[in-house]
PDB file of all heavy atoms in Angstrom:
ATOM      1  N   MET A   1       2.929  -7.333  20.654  1.00  0.00           N
ATOM      2  CA  MET A   1       3.096  -5.909  20.354  1.00  0.00           C
ATOM      3  C   MET A   1       1.749  -5.213  20.518  1.00  0.00           C
ATOM      4  O   MET A   1       0.744  -5.726  20.029  1.00  0.00           O
ATOM      5  CB  MET A   1       3.663  -5.686  18.951  1.00  0.00           C
ATOM      6  CG  MET A   1       3.942  -4.241  18.701  1.00  0.00           C
ATOM      7  SD  MET A   1       4.913  -4.069  17.213  1.00  0.00           S
ATOM      8  CE  MET A   1       3.844  -4.908  16.048  1.00  0.00           C
ATOM      9  N   GLU A   2       1.781  -4.079  21.138  1.00  0.00           N
ATOM     10  CA  GLU A   2       0.548  -3.361  21.433  1.00  0.00           C
ATOM     11  C   GLU A   2       0.114  -2.658  20.118  1.00  0.00           C
ATOM     12  O   GLU A   2       0.824  -1.920  19.472  1.00  0.00           O
ATOM     13  CB  GLU A   2       0.741  -2.306  22.498  1.00  0.00           C
ATOM     14  CG  GLU A   2      -0.449  -1.583  22.868  1.00  0.00           C
ATOM     15  CD  GLU A   2      -0.169  -0.561  24.010  1.00  0.00           C
ATOM     16  OE1 GLU A   2       0.945  -0.500  24.447  1.00  0.00           O
ATOM     17  OE2 GLU A   2      -1.170   0.181  24.415  1.00  0.00           O
ATOM     18  N   GLN A   3      -1.117  -2.844  19.724  1.00  0.00           N
ATOM     19  CA  GLN A   3      -1.716  -2.211  18.589  1.00  0.00           C
ATOM     20  C   GLN A   3      -2.497  -0.980  19.024  1.00  0.00           C
ATOM     21  O   GLN A   3      -3.456  -1.068  19.775  1.00  0.00           O
ATOM     22  CB  GLN A   3      -2.746  -3.169  17.920  1.00  0.00           C
ATOM     23  CG  GLN A   3      -2.076  -4.479  17.410  1.00  0.00           C
ATOM     24  CD  GLN A   3      -1.061  -4.278  16.273  1.00  0.00           C
ATOM     25  OE1 GLN A   3      -1.248  -3.369  15.424  1.00  0.00           O
ATOM     26  NE2 GLN A   3      -0.060  -5.113  16.165  1.00  0.00           N
ATOM     27  N   LEU A   4      -1.942   0.169  18.674  1.00  0.00           N
ATOM     28  CA  LEU A   4      -2.499   1.455  19.079  1.00  0.00           C
ATOM     29  C   LEU A   4      -3.664   1.908  18.117  1.00  0.00           C
ATOM     30  O   LEU A   4      -3.498   1.773  16.869  1.00  0.00           O
ATOM     31  CB  LEU A   4      -1.455   2.535  19.174  1.00  0.00           C
ATOM     32  CG  LEU A   4      -0.224   2.213  20.092  1.00  0.00           C
ATOM     33  CD1 LEU A   4       0.812   3.265  19.911  1.00  0.00           C
ATOM     34  CD2 LEU A   4      -0.678   2.077  21.544  1.00  0.00           C
ATOM     35  N   ARG A   5      -4.699   2.364  18.651  1.00  0.00           N
ATOM     36  CA  ARG A   5      -5.847   2.771  17.855  1.00  0.00           C
ATOM     37  C   ARG A   5      -5.623   4.234  17.387  1.00  0.00           C
ATOM     38  O   ARG A   5      -6.296   5.115  17.875  1.00  0.00           O
ATOM     39  CB  ARG A   5      -7.153   2.639  18.648  1.00  0.00           C
ATOM     40  CG  ARG A   5      -7.400   1.209  19.081  1.00  0.00           C
ATOM     41  CD  ARG A   5      -8.725   1.107  19.804  1.00  0.00           C
ATOM     42  NE  ARG A   5      -9.835   1.486  18.945  1.00  0.00           N
ATOM     43  CZ  ARG A   5     -11.147   1.475  19.312  1.00  0.00           C
ATOM     44  NH1 ARG A   5     -11.439   1.192  20.606  1.00  0.00           N
ATOM     45  NH2 ARG A   5     -12.068   1.863  18.499  1.00  0.00           N
ATOM     46  N   TYR A   6      -4.642   4.430  16.548  1.00  0.00           N
ATOM     47  CA  TYR A   6      -4.322   5.732  16.010  1.00  0.00           C
ATOM     48  C   TYR A   6      -3.871   5.523  14.622  1.00  0.00           C
ATOM     49  O   TYR A   6      -3.122   4.629  14.215  1.00  0.00           O
ATOM     50  CB  TYR A   6      -3.223   6.370  16.836  1.00  0.00           C
ATOM     51  CG  TYR A   6      -2.716   7.662  16.222  1.00  0.00           C
ATOM     52  CD1 TYR A   6      -3.403   8.853  16.543  1.00  0.00           C
ATOM     53  CD2 TYR A   6      -1.573   7.745  15.537  1.00  0.00           C
ATOM     54  CE1 TYR A   6      -2.997  10.045  15.921  1.00  0.00           C
ATOM     55  CE2 TYR A   6      -1.072   8.930  14.976  1.00  0.00           C
ATOM     56  CZ  TYR A   6      -1.807  10.099  15.188  1.00  0.00           C
ATOM     57  OH  TYR A   6      -1.307  11.272  14.658  1.00  0.00           O
ATOM     58  N   LYS A   7      -4.346   6.402  13.681  1.00  0.00           N
ATOM     59  CA  LYS A   7      -3.980   6.420  12.285  1.00  0.00           C
ATOM     60  C   LYS A   7      -3.383   7.746  11.963  1.00  0.00           C
ATOM     61  O   LYS A   7      -3.992   8.811  12.132  1.00  0.00           O
ATOM     62  CB  LYS A   7      -5.202   6.208  11.463  1.00  0.00           C
ATOM     63  CG  LYS A   7      -4.939   6.175   9.943  1.00  0.00           C
ATOM     64  CD  LYS A   7      -6.189   6.012   9.119  1.00  0.00           C
ATOM     65  CE  LYS A   7      -6.783   4.559   9.277  1.00  0.00           C
ATOM     66  NZ  LYS A   7      -7.948   4.328   8.409  1.00  0.00           N
ATOM     67  N   PRO A   8      -2.110   7.722  11.541  1.00  0.00           N
ATOM     68  CA  PRO A   8      -1.426   8.998  11.153  1.00  0.00           C
ATOM     69  C   PRO A   8      -2.232   9.746  10.075  1.00  0.00           C
ATOM     70  O   PRO A   8      -2.793   9.184   9.181  1.00  0.00           O
ATOM     71  CB  PRO A   8      -0.074   8.515  10.578  1.00  0.00           C
ATOM     72  CG  PRO A   8       0.202   7.244  11.204  1.00  0.00           C
ATOM     73  CD  PRO A   8      -1.173   6.576  11.335  1.00  0.00           C
ATOM     74  N   THR A   9      -2.233  11.042  10.236  1.00  0.00           N
ATOM     75  CA  THR A   9      -3.032  11.927   9.354  1.00  0.00           C
ATOM     76  C   THR A   9      -2.205  13.049   8.863  1.00  0.00           C
ATOM     77  O   THR A   9      -1.298  13.547   9.538  1.00  0.00           O
ATOM     78  CB  THR A   9      -4.258  12.493  10.099  1.00  0.00           C
ATOM     79  OG1 THR A   9      -3.853  13.161  11.285  1.00  0.00           O
ATOM     80  CG2 THR A   9      -5.188  11.367  10.474  1.00  0.00           C
ATOM     81  N   PRO A  10      -2.396  13.510   7.665  1.00  0.00           N
ATOM     82  CA  PRO A  10      -1.748  14.721   7.105  1.00  0.00           C
ATOM     83  C   PRO A  10      -2.061  15.918   7.978  1.00  0.00           C
ATOM     84  O   PRO A  10      -3.138  16.038   8.595  1.00  0.00           O
ATOM     85  CB  PRO A  10      -2.290  14.884   5.721  1.00  0.00           C
ATOM     86  CG  PRO A  10      -2.723  13.520   5.319  1.00  0.00           C
ATOM     87  CD  PRO A  10      -3.225  12.869   6.596  1.00  0.00           C
ATOM     88  N   ALA A  11      -1.203  16.850   8.101  1.00  0.00           N
ATOM     89  CA  ALA A  11      -1.334  17.981   8.990  1.00  0.00           C
ATOM     90  C   ALA A  11      -2.370  18.890   8.421  1.00  0.00           C
ATOM     91  O   ALA A  11      -2.579  19.043   7.252  1.00  0.00           O
ATOM     92  CB  ALA A  11       0.016  18.706   9.173  1.00  0.00           C
ATOM     93  N   SER A  12      -3.083  19.583   9.413  1.00  0.00           N
ATOM     94  CA  SER A  12      -4.052  20.560   9.048  1.00  0.00           C
ATOM     95  C   SER A  12      -3.680  21.932   9.521  1.00  0.00           C
ATOM     96  O   SER A  12      -4.457  22.804   9.796  1.00  0.00           O
ATOM     97  CB  SER A  12      -5.471  20.206   9.673  1.00  0.00           C
ATOM     98  OG  SER A  12      -5.264  20.103  11.069  1.00  0.00           O
ATOM     99  N   SER A  13      -2.387  22.160   9.620  1.00  0.00           N
ATOM    100  CA  SER A  13      -1.818  23.455  10.059  1.00  0.00           C
ATOM    101  C   SER A  13      -2.161  24.507   9.026  1.00  0.00           C
ATOM    102  O   SER A  13      -2.180  24.260   7.832  1.00  0.00           O
ATOM    103  CB  SER A  13      -0.281  23.353  10.180  1.00  0.00           C
ATOM    104  OG  SER A  13       0.306  24.539  10.445  1.00  0.00           O
ATOM    105  N   PRO A  14      -2.311  25.791   9.412  1.00  0.00           N
ATOM    106  CA  PRO A  14      -2.525  26.880   8.533  1.00  0.00           C
ATOM    107  C   PRO A  14      -1.327  27.227   7.695  1.00  0.00           C
ATOM    108  O   PRO A  14      -1.449  28.042   6.815  1.00  0.00           O
ATOM    109  CB  PRO A  14      -2.932  28.034   9.441  1.00  0.00           C
ATOM    110  CG  PRO A  14      -2.319  27.678  10.786  1.00  0.00           C
ATOM    111  CD  PRO A  14      -2.363  26.240  10.862  1.00  0.00           C
ATOM    112  N   LEU A  15      -0.191  26.591   7.990  1.00  0.00           N
ATOM    113  CA  LEU A  15       1.016  26.898   7.187  1.00  0.00           C
ATOM    114  C   LEU A  15       0.848  26.363   5.781  1.00  0.00           C
ATOM    115  O   LEU A  15       0.163  25.344   5.608  1.00  0.00           O
ATOM    116  CB  LEU A  15       2.216  26.252   7.844  1.00  0.00           C
ATOM    117  CG  LEU A  15       2.607  26.685   9.293  1.00  0.00           C
ATOM    118  CD1 LEU A  15       3.700  25.891   9.784  1.00  0.00           C
ATOM    119  CD2 LEU A  15       2.954  28.188   9.274  1.00  0.00           C
ATOM    120  N   GLY A  16       1.435  27.046   4.816  1.00  0.00           N
ATOM    121  CA  GLY A  16       1.385  26.550   3.413  1.00  0.00           C
ATOM    122  C   GLY A  16       2.271  25.425   3.133  1.00  0.00           C
ATOM    123  O   GLY A  16       3.190  25.110   3.940  1.00  0.00           O
ATOM    124  N   GLY A  17       2.172  24.850   1.931  1.00  0.00           N
ATOM    125  CA  GLY A  17       3.083  23.827   1.438  1.00  0.00           C
ATOM    126  C   GLY A  17       3.054  22.571   2.275  1.00  0.00           C
ATOM    127  O   GLY A  17       4.063  21.923   2.501  1.00  0.00           O
ATOM    128  N   LEU A  18       1.860  22.124   2.639  1.00  0.00           N
ATOM    129  CA  LEU A  18       1.690  20.890   3.374  1.00  0.00           C
ATOM    130  C   LEU A  18       2.056  19.648   2.517  1.00  0.00           C
ATOM    131  O   LEU A  18       2.453  18.644   3.005  1.00  0.00           O
ATOM    132  CB  LEU A  18       0.281  20.787   3.965  1.00  0.00           C
ATOM    133  CG  LEU A  18      -0.091  21.857   5.025  1.00  0.00           C
ATOM    134  CD1 LEU A  18      -1.452  21.616   5.536  1.00  0.00           C
ATOM    135  CD2 LEU A  18       0.891  21.923   6.070  1.00  0.00           C
ATOM    136  N   THR A  19       1.818  19.796   1.242  1.00  0.00           N
ATOM    137  CA  THR A  19       2.221  18.745   0.294  1.00  0.00           C
ATOM    138  C   THR A  19       2.887  19.419  -0.912  1.00  0.00           C
ATOM    139  O   THR A  19       2.378  20.297  -1.533  1.00  0.00           O
ATOM    140  CB  THR A  19       0.971  18.009  -0.225  1.00  0.00           C
ATOM    141  OG1 THR A  19       0.254  17.476   0.940  1.00  0.00           O
ATOM    142  CG2 THR A  19       1.352  16.891  -1.101  1.00  0.00           C
ATOM    143  N   THR A  20       4.122  18.860  -1.212  1.00  0.00           N
ATOM    144  CA  THR A  20       4.836  19.374  -2.322  1.00  0.00           C
ATOM    145  C   THR A  20       5.104  18.168  -3.264  1.00  0.00           C
ATOM    146  O   THR A  20       4.535  17.121  -3.144  1.00  0.00           O
ATOM    147  CB  THR A  20       6.181  19.972  -1.938  1.00  0.00           C
ATOM    148  OG1 THR A  20       7.017  19.027  -1.410  1.00  0.00           O
ATOM    149  CG2 THR A  20       5.933  21.073  -0.866  1.00  0.00           C
ATOM    150  N   THR A  21       5.980  18.386  -4.275  1.00  0.00           N
ATOM    151  CA  THR A  21       6.293  17.266  -5.197  1.00  0.00           C
ATOM    152  C   THR A  21       7.236  16.282  -4.543  1.00  0.00           C
ATOM    153  O   THR A  21       7.351  15.146  -5.138  1.00  0.00           O
ATOM    154  CB  THR A  21       7.042  17.891  -6.427  1.00  0.00           C
ATOM    155  OG1 THR A  21       8.175  18.561  -6.009  1.00  0.00           O
ATOM    156  CG2 THR A  21       6.117  18.795  -7.218  1.00  0.00           C
ATOM    157  N   SER A  22       7.818  16.474  -3.383  1.00  0.00           N
ATOM    158  CA  SER A  22       8.735  15.520  -2.770  1.00  0.00           C
ATOM    159  C   SER A  22       8.555  15.458  -1.256  1.00  0.00           C
ATOM    160  O   SER A  22       9.355  14.759  -0.617  1.00  0.00           O
ATOM    161  CB  SER A  22      10.182  15.870  -3.091  1.00  0.00           C
ATOM    162  OG  SER A  22      10.514  17.145  -2.609  1.00  0.00           O
ATOM    163  N   THR A  23       7.669  16.205  -0.651  1.00  0.00           N
ATOM    164  CA  THR A  23       7.511  16.198   0.802  1.00  0.00           C
ATOM    165  C   THR A  23       5.959  16.226   1.142  1.00  0.00           C
ATOM    166  O   THR A  23       5.160  16.595   0.372  1.00  0.00           O
ATOM    167  CB  THR A  23       8.147  17.388   1.432  1.00  0.00           C
ATOM    168  OG1 THR A  23       7.494  18.577   1.082  1.00  0.00           O
ATOM    169  CG2 THR A  23       9.616  17.525   1.107  1.00  0.00           C
ATOM    170  N   PHE A  24       5.684  15.814   2.415  1.00  0.00           N
ATOM    171  CA  PHE A  24       4.386  16.051   2.954  1.00  0.00           C
ATOM    172  C   PHE A  24       4.482  16.158   4.480  1.00  0.00           C
ATOM    173  O   PHE A  24       5.506  15.851   5.070  1.00  0.00           O
ATOM    174  CB  PHE A  24       3.402  14.814   2.557  1.00  0.00           C
ATOM    175  CG  PHE A  24       3.806  13.483   3.109  1.00  0.00           C
ATOM    176  CD1 PHE A  24       3.351  13.053   4.315  1.00  0.00           C
ATOM    177  CD2 PHE A  24       4.553  12.698   2.305  1.00  0.00           C
ATOM    178  CE1 PHE A  24       3.714  11.833   4.798  1.00  0.00           C
ATOM    179  CE2 PHE A  24       4.879  11.385   2.779  1.00  0.00           C
ATOM    180  CZ  PHE A  24       4.519  10.972   3.984  1.00  0.00           C
ATOM    181  N   VAL A  25       3.500  16.691   5.085  1.00  0.00           N
ATOM    182  CA  VAL A  25       3.512  17.021   6.516  1.00  0.00           C
ATOM    183  C   VAL A  25       2.485  16.193   7.277  1.00  0.00           C
ATOM    184  O   VAL A  25       1.298  16.117   6.798  1.00  0.00           O
ATOM    185  CB  VAL A  25       3.321  18.523   6.697  1.00  0.00           C
ATOM    186  CG1 VAL A  25       3.336  18.893   8.186  1.00  0.00           C
ATOM    187  CG2 VAL A  25       4.310  19.325   5.935  1.00  0.00           C
ATOM    188  N   LEU A  26       2.943  15.605   8.388  1.00  0.00           N
ATOM    189  CA  LEU A  26       2.047  14.837   9.225  1.00  0.00           C
ATOM    190  C   LEU A  26       1.857  15.483  10.590  1.00  0.00           C
ATOM    191  O   LEU A  26       2.771  16.279  11.074  1.00  0.00           O
ATOM    192  CB  LEU A  26       2.683  13.428   9.515  1.00  0.00           C
ATOM    193  CG  LEU A  26       2.774  12.458   8.315  1.00  0.00           C
ATOM    194  CD1 LEU A  26       3.548  11.207   8.759  1.00  0.00           C
ATOM    195  CD2 LEU A  26       1.429  12.065   7.809  1.00  0.00           C
ATOM    196  N   GLU A  27       0.761  15.192  11.240  1.00  0.00           N
ATOM    197  CA  GLU A  27       0.613  15.501  12.609  1.00  0.00           C
ATOM    198  C   GLU A  27       1.477  14.687  13.488  1.00  0.00           C
ATOM    199  O   GLU A  27       1.601  13.434  13.244  1.00  0.00           O
ATOM    200  CB  GLU A  27      -0.855  15.417  12.985  1.00  0.00           C
ATOM    201  CG  GLU A  27      -1.867  16.358  12.306  1.00  0.00           C
ATOM    202  CD  GLU A  27      -1.727  17.794  12.836  1.00  0.00           C
ATOM    203  OE1 GLU A  27      -1.022  17.976  13.896  1.00  0.00           O
ATOM    204  OE2 GLU A  27      -2.397  18.651  12.324  1.00  0.00           O
ATOM    205  N   GLN A  28       2.075  15.260  14.458  1.00  0.00           N
ATOM    206  CA  GLN A  28       2.859  14.434  15.413  1.00  0.00           C
ATOM    207  C   GLN A  28       1.920  13.564  16.211  1.00  0.00           C
ATOM    208  O   GLN A  28       0.803  13.901  16.491  1.00  0.00           O
ATOM    209  CB  GLN A  28       3.651  15.286  16.353  1.00  0.00           C
ATOM    210  CG  GLN A  28       4.721  16.106  15.709  1.00  0.00           C
ATOM    211  CD  GLN A  28       5.562  16.889  16.715  1.00  0.00           C
ATOM    212  OE1 GLN A  28       5.322  16.845  17.932  1.00  0.00           O
ATOM    213  NE2 GLN A  28       6.543  17.639  16.216  1.00  0.00           N
ATOM    214  N   PRO A  29       2.385  12.322  16.595  1.00  0.00           N
ATOM    215  CA  PRO A  29       1.527  11.418  17.416  1.00  0.00           C
ATOM    216  C   PRO A  29       1.562  11.820  18.840  1.00  0.00           C
ATOM    217  O   PRO A  29       2.133  11.108  19.700  1.00  0.00           O
ATOM    218  CB  PRO A  29       2.220  10.022  17.169  1.00  0.00           C
ATOM    219  CG  PRO A  29       3.670  10.398  16.954  1.00  0.00           C
ATOM    220  CD  PRO A  29       3.660  11.692  16.266  1.00  0.00           C
TER     221      PRO A  29
END
C-alpha cells in the first residue's frame, strides 16, 4: 500500500464554528 506523505489538518477557513461539541472541520485532501 502506498504511504502518502500527507497529514490531515483542521480547516483554517474564515468560517465560524470549525470546532463544536460534536463536530470538527477538516481540509479536503
